[in-house]
């Protein structure tokens, strides 16, 4: 199951740098995950300081 980023995102960019497949990019008000690219590895969740990435 792919990850999504909750509204708790503080746009720090830690998740984007950690994603091994480049599925995360900056959105208008928070970072977003491309569910077609996400491999559900959880790397983003492991580095997020506010726990914004969660499995759908």
Protein backbone atom coordinates (compact mmCIF):
# COMPACT_ATOMS: atom_id res chain seq x y z
CA UNK A 1 0.00 0.00 0.00
CA UNK A 2 1.33 3.44 -0.91
CA UNK A 3 2.08 6.21 1.55
CA UNK A 4 0.38 9.61 1.65
CA UNK A 5 1.38 12.78 3.46
CA UNK A 6 -1.07 14.16 5.99
CA UNK A 7 -1.79 17.85 6.48
CA UNK A 8 0.63 17.80 9.45
CA UNK A 9 3.47 18.27 6.92
CA UNK A 10 5.74 21.22 7.74
CA UNK A 11 7.41 21.21 4.28
CA UNK A 12 10.90 20.54 5.62
CA UNK A 13 11.83 18.31 2.65
CA UNK A 14 13.39 15.50 4.67
CA UNK A 15 11.09 12.93 3.09
CA UNK A 16 11.85 14.00 -0.49
CA UNK A 17 15.59 13.58 0.05
CA UNK A 18 15.10 10.13 1.61
CA UNK A 19 12.78 8.62 -1.04
CA UNK A 20 14.76 6.03 -3.05
CA UNK A 21 12.44 6.17 -6.07
CA UNK A 22 11.80 9.92 -6.32
CA UNK A 23 8.08 9.62 -5.55
CA UNK A 24 7.94 12.72 -3.33
CA UNK A 25 7.80 16.32 -4.51
CA UNK A 26 6.85 19.73 -3.14
CA UNK A 27 3.18 20.56 -3.50
CA UNK A 28 1.32 23.83 -3.06
CA UNK A 29 1.02 23.62 0.73
CA UNK A 30 2.76 20.34 1.65
CA UNK A 31 4.86 17.60 0.09
CA UNK A 32 3.01 14.99 -1.98
CA UNK A 33 3.68 11.36 -2.86
CA UNK A 34 3.06 9.96 -6.34
CA UNK A 35 1.23 6.73 -5.52
CA UNK A 36 2.21 5.22 -8.86
CA UNK A 37 5.92 5.53 -7.96
CA UNK A 38 5.72 4.79 -4.20
CA UNK A 39 7.12 1.36 -3.27
CA UNK A 40 5.84 1.52 0.33
CA UNK A 41 9.33 1.24 1.83
CA UNK A 42 8.59 3.64 4.71
CA UNK A 43 11.83 5.59 4.36
CA UNK A 44 9.89 8.87 4.31
CA UNK A 45 8.03 8.03 7.51
CA UNK A 46 11.28 7.20 9.24
CA UNK A 47 12.79 10.65 8.72
CA UNK A 48 9.73 12.88 9.10
CA UNK A 49 9.93 14.96 12.30
CA UNK A 50 6.12 15.26 12.57
CA UNK A 51 4.99 11.83 11.33
CA UNK A 52 3.16 13.20 8.29
CA UNK A 53 3.76 10.25 5.89
CA UNK A 54 1.38 7.38 6.65
CA UNK A 55 0.36 4.22 4.85
CA UNK A 56 -2.99 4.49 3.10
